[in-house]
Protein backbone atom coordinates (compact mmCIF):
# COMPACT_ATOMS: atom_id res chain seq x y z
CA MET A 1 75.39 -30.41 82.08
CA ALA A 2 76.06 -30.28 85.82
CA ALA A 3 76.11 -26.47 85.62
CA SER A 4 72.69 -26.44 83.96
CA ILE A 5 71.25 -28.69 86.65
CA ASP A 6 72.80 -26.47 89.32
CA TYR A 7 71.27 -23.38 87.71
CA LEU A 8 67.80 -24.96 87.56
CA ASP A 9 68.08 -25.95 91.21
CA ARG A 10 69.11 -22.41 92.23
CA VAL A 11 66.19 -20.82 90.39
CA ALA A 12 63.72 -23.38 91.75
CA GLY A 13 64.86 -22.49 95.26
CA THR A 14 63.78 -18.84 95.02
CA ASP A 15 60.59 -17.46 96.56
CA VAL A 16 59.42 -16.36 93.12
CA ALA A 17 59.69 -19.90 91.74
CA HIS A 18 57.93 -21.36 94.76
CA ALA A 19 55.01 -18.97 94.24
CA TYR A 20 54.35 -19.56 90.53
CA LYS A 21 54.93 -23.32 90.78
CA ARG A 22 52.40 -23.47 93.61
CA HIS A 23 49.94 -21.53 91.45
CA MET A 24 50.41 -24.01 88.59
CA LEU A 25 49.93 -26.97 90.91
CA GLU A 26 46.74 -25.56 92.41
CA ALA A 27 45.34 -24.52 89.01
CA LEU A 28 45.63 -28.07 87.68
CA SER A 29 43.15 -29.36 90.29
CA ILE A 30 44.97 -32.68 90.48
CA GLU A 31 43.05 -35.56 92.01
CA PRO A 32 44.33 -38.84 93.49
CA GLY A 33 44.63 -41.44 90.74
CA HIS A 34 45.27 -38.96 87.96
CA THR A 35 47.92 -39.52 85.31
CA LEU A 36 50.02 -36.38 85.05
CA LEU A 37 52.62 -35.45 82.45
CA ASP A 38 55.52 -33.03 83.05
CA VAL A 39 57.08 -32.14 79.68
CA GLY A 40 60.62 -30.82 80.06
CA CYS A 41 60.89 -32.10 83.62
CA GLY A 42 64.59 -31.27 83.80
CA PRO A 43 66.33 -32.87 86.79
CA GLY A 44 62.99 -33.78 88.35
CA THR A 45 62.44 -30.48 90.14
CA ASP A 46 58.66 -30.82 90.43
CA LEU A 47 58.07 -34.55 90.14
CA ALA A 48 57.89 -35.28 93.87
CA ALA A 49 55.27 -32.57 94.46
CA LEU A 50 53.24 -33.85 91.52
CA ALA A 51 53.46 -37.42 92.83
CA SER A 52 52.22 -36.24 96.22
CA ALA A 53 49.20 -34.66 94.51
CA THR A 54 48.33 -37.74 92.43
CA GLY A 55 48.74 -40.04 95.42
CA PRO A 56 49.75 -43.70 95.53
CA SER A 57 47.12 -44.63 92.94
CA GLY A 58 48.27 -42.01 90.45
CA THR A 59 51.04 -41.85 87.86
CA VAL A 60 53.48 -39.04 87.09
CA ILE A 61 55.40 -39.14 83.82
CA GLY A 62 58.42 -36.90 83.44
CA VAL A 63 59.77 -36.31 79.94
CA ASP A 64 62.98 -34.57 78.95
CA HIS A 65 65.01 -34.69 75.72
CA ASP A 66 68.34 -34.36 77.54
CA ALA A 67 69.84 -37.64 78.72
CA ALA A 68 71.66 -36.13 81.71
CA MET A 69 68.51 -34.36 82.88
CA ALA A 70 66.43 -37.53 82.54
CA ASP A 71 69.05 -39.57 84.40
CA GLU A 72 69.12 -37.07 87.26
CA ALA A 73 65.32 -37.01 87.41
CA ARG A 74 65.29 -40.83 87.64
CA ARG A 75 67.87 -40.72 90.44
CA ARG A 76 65.88 -38.16 92.43
CA THR A 77 62.61 -40.07 92.12
CA ALA A 78 63.96 -43.61 92.48
CA ASP A 79 62.00 -44.08 95.71
CA LEU A 80 58.70 -42.89 94.20
CA PRO A 81 57.01 -45.92 92.58
CA GLY A 82 54.33 -43.80 90.87
CA VAL A 83 56.88 -41.77 88.93
CA ARG A 84 58.54 -42.73 85.68
CA VAL A 85 60.91 -40.64 83.58
CA GLU A 86 61.47 -41.00 79.86
CA ARG A 87 63.95 -39.40 77.54
CA ALA A 88 61.78 -38.08 74.72
CA ASP A 89 61.10 -35.08 72.50
CA ALA A 90 58.27 -32.69 73.33
CA HIS A 91 57.43 -32.64 69.62
CA ALA A 92 56.80 -36.43 69.60
CA LEU A 93 55.58 -37.67 72.96
CA PRO A 94 55.82 -41.46 73.51
CA LEU A 95 52.27 -41.68 74.85
CA ASP A 96 48.95 -42.92 73.55
CA ALA A 97 46.20 -40.50 72.57
CA ALA A 98 43.90 -39.40 75.40
CA SER A 99 46.04 -41.13 78.03
CA VAL A 100 46.77 -38.20 80.38
CA ASP A 101 44.52 -36.30 82.80
CA ARG A 102 46.78 -33.33 83.50
CA ALA A 103 49.93 -31.88 81.91
CA ARG A 104 52.36 -29.04 82.45
CA MET A 105 55.26 -27.32 80.69
CA ASP A 106 57.37 -24.95 82.77
CA ARG A 107 59.77 -22.67 80.83
CA VAL A 108 60.06 -25.16 77.97
CA MET A 109 58.35 -23.59 74.96
CA MET A 110 60.90 -20.77 74.78
CA HIS A 111 63.53 -23.39 73.86
CA LEU A 112 61.55 -25.46 71.35
CA ASP A 113 62.02 -25.55 67.59
CA ASP A 114 58.27 -25.82 66.98
CA PRO A 115 56.07 -24.79 69.95
CA PRO A 116 52.78 -25.25 68.03
CA ARG A 117 53.72 -28.85 67.25
CA ALA A 118 54.51 -29.51 70.93
CA LEU A 119 51.15 -28.06 71.94
CA GLY A 120 49.49 -30.29 69.34
CA GLU A 121 51.14 -33.28 70.97
CA LEU A 122 49.87 -32.22 74.37
CA ARG A 123 46.38 -31.85 72.94
CA ARG A 124 46.69 -35.37 71.49
CA VAL A 125 47.70 -37.06 74.73
CA LEU A 126 45.31 -35.18 77.03
CA ARG A 127 41.89 -36.65 77.65
CA PRO A 128 38.88 -34.50 76.74
CA GLY A 129 38.44 -32.00 79.54
CA GLY A 130 42.03 -32.49 80.70
CA LEU A 131 43.92 -29.47 82.03
CA LEU A 132 47.25 -28.04 80.89
CA ALA A 133 49.38 -25.49 82.76
CA LEU A 134 52.02 -23.52 80.88
CA ALA A 135 54.55 -21.01 82.23
CA GLU A 136 56.83 -18.92 80.01
CA PRO A 137 58.88 -15.73 80.37
CA ASP A 138 58.77 -12.94 77.82
CA TRP A 139 62.38 -11.88 77.42
CA ASP A 140 61.53 -8.81 75.36
CA THR A 141 60.00 -7.31 78.52
CA LEU A 142 63.15 -7.68 80.65
CA ALA A 143 63.82 -4.35 82.39
CA ILE A 144 66.73 -3.47 84.65
CA ASP A 145 66.92 -0.12 86.40
CA HIS A 146 70.34 1.52 86.23
CA PRO A 147 71.65 5.11 86.01
CA ASP A 148 73.35 4.12 82.72
CA LEU A 149 70.16 3.49 80.78
CA GLU A 150 71.87 2.91 77.43
CA THR A 151 74.08 0.12 78.78
CA SER A 152 71.09 -1.39 80.56
CA LEU A 153 69.05 -1.35 77.34
CA ALA A 154 71.95 -2.84 75.38
CA PHE A 155 72.16 -5.65 77.94
CA THR A 156 68.44 -6.47 77.83
CA ARG A 157 68.46 -6.41 74.00
CA PHE A 158 71.35 -8.89 74.06
CA VAL A 159 69.51 -11.19 76.47
CA ALA A 160 66.31 -11.09 74.41
CA GLY A 161 68.18 -11.91 71.24
CA SER A 162 70.43 -14.65 72.58
CA ALA A 163 68.81 -16.29 75.63
CA ASN A 164 66.64 -18.78 73.75
CA ARG A 165 64.94 -19.58 70.46
CA ASN A 166 61.66 -17.84 71.23
CA ARG A 167 62.33 -14.49 72.88
CA ALA A 168 58.67 -13.35 73.17
CA MET A 169 57.11 -16.72 73.97
CA GLY A 170 55.27 -15.54 77.08
CA ARG A 171 52.87 -13.28 75.21
CA GLN A 172 52.27 -15.91 72.53
CA VAL A 173 51.20 -18.78 74.78
CA PRO A 174 47.44 -18.02 74.99
CA ARG A 175 47.11 -17.60 71.22
CA LEU A 176 49.12 -20.74 70.44
CA ALA A 177 47.18 -22.79 72.98
CA GLU A 178 43.88 -21.78 71.40
CA ALA A 179 45.21 -22.55 67.92
CA ALA A 180 46.13 -26.05 69.14
CA GLY A 181 42.55 -26.74 70.20
CA PHE A 182 42.62 -25.72 73.85
CA ALA A 183 40.17 -23.47 75.65
CA VAL A 184 42.20 -20.90 77.61
CA LEU A 185 40.70 -20.67 81.10
CA SER A 186 43.04 -18.13 82.69
CA VAL A 187 46.09 -16.01 81.95
CA LEU A 188 48.25 -14.63 84.76
CA ASN A 189 51.22 -12.30 84.44
CA ALA A 190 53.22 -13.35 87.49
CA ALA A 191 55.91 -10.75 86.76
CA PRO A 192 58.60 -11.09 89.43
CA VAL A 193 60.39 -8.07 90.84
CA PHE A 194 63.91 -8.58 92.17
CA ARG A 195 65.39 -5.98 94.52
CA ASP A 196 68.14 -8.06 96.10
CA PRO A 197 71.39 -8.05 94.07
CA ALA A 198 72.30 -11.62 95.07
CA THR A 199 68.90 -13.02 94.03
CA ALA A 200 68.96 -11.11 90.75
CA GLU A 201 72.37 -12.59 90.04
CA GLN A 202 71.16 -16.06 91.03
CA VAL A 203 68.22 -15.96 88.61
CA PHE A 204 69.59 -13.97 85.68
CA GLY A 205 73.33 -14.67 85.85
CA LEU A 206 73.99 -10.98 85.26
CA ARG A 207 77.76 -11.17 85.60
CA ARG A 208 78.15 -14.19 83.31
CA THR A 209 75.74 -12.81 80.71
CA THR A 210 77.43 -9.40 80.78
CA GLY A 211 80.73 -11.11 79.96
CA ARG A 212 79.09 -12.83 76.99
CA ALA A 213 77.65 -9.50 75.81
CA VAL A 214 81.08 -7.86 75.99
CA GLU A 215 82.72 -10.69 74.06
CA ALA A 216 79.98 -10.47 71.41
CA GLY A 217 80.59 -6.74 71.00
CA HIS A 218 77.21 -5.65 72.39
CA LEU A 219 78.65 -3.87 75.43
CA ASP A 220 81.72 -1.70 75.99
CA ARG A 221 84.02 -3.42 78.48
CA ASP A 222 84.52 -0.41 80.75
CA ALA A 223 80.84 0.53 80.68
CA ALA A 224 79.95 -3.08 81.48
CA ARG A 225 82.30 -3.07 84.48
CA ARG A 226 80.74 0.12 85.84
CA TRP A 227 77.27 -1.28 85.19
CA LEU A 228 78.02 -4.44 87.16
CA ASP A 229 79.66 -2.52 90.00
CA HIS A 230 76.46 -0.55 90.50
CA LEU A 231 74.29 -3.69 90.37
CA ASP A 232 76.52 -5.38 92.93
CA ARG A 233 76.05 -2.47 95.35
CA GLY A 234 72.39 -1.82 94.68
CA PRO A 235 69.74 -0.62 94.73
CA VAL A 236 68.53 -3.07 92.09
CA MET A 237 65.22 -3.49 90.30
CA VAL A 238 64.93 -6.28 87.73
CA THR A 239 61.62 -7.47 86.29
CA ALA A 240 60.10 -9.24 83.28
CA SER A 241 56.70 -10.56 82.28
CA PHE A 242 56.15 -14.18 83.25
CA ILE A 243 52.96 -15.64 81.81
CA VAL A 244 51.14 -18.58 83.39
CA VAL A 245 48.28 -20.07 81.35
CA LEU A 246 45.69 -22.65 82.34
CA ALA A 247 44.04 -24.34 79.36
CA GLN A 248 41.58 -27.18 78.86
CA ALA A 249 41.42 -29.82 76.16
CA ALA A 250 37.98 -29.35 74.61
CA PRO A 251 35.74 -32.39 74.12
CA GLY A 252 36.08 -34.13 70.78
CA PRO A 253 39.08 -35.22 68.72
CA ALA A 254 42.32 -33.28 68.75
CA ARG A 255 42.92 -31.03 65.80
């Protein structure tokens, strides 16, 4: 699990992550005293910033199903009295109905067994008029420029099919949010473009994932080596759709 925490920390440290996370924070219009829920908080990456926004009179609740992630989030926020972290499932949140003013899920729905059920839980716990920010990649839109187009396409097909449970989640978020009883207020495609080989490797783990694709028989070993050699030298252009949605819990009972 340490490697997963390290990976999340590396991605969170990029300029691209700083930009979309700032957009999510601003879109939520958090006020001092609010109760804010971060579903899939991981190692607590965003909890301190959320606590700063809610102020000393507010409450931030981090939830993650993974025990090691929850433990690390508790360790990182031990000096923040307004923050509490619980190990819990996004499909069954341990919160009362209409108990939360704001909520967010950042790159979580792509991993879930039942995203509509998780959105239904968020609708249940949000107060009428409460705001929800969601951010999800769409792995079927991953594009990597390379002179060997066939190997590049084989790589992106492998990533889309193996990276997570829900490969095209990004494009589905607005529709699923509306079906769960939310009013979708805005949809942003914050598609990042990576030109630096080191940053592309940091975010996408190109070398590690290429090795997995070779072992799975999706890439020829020699072609994969040549492909990586070119990406190491550059120039590089890697991009994918990254959808950020702001939604509001409509007045009245949750569906």
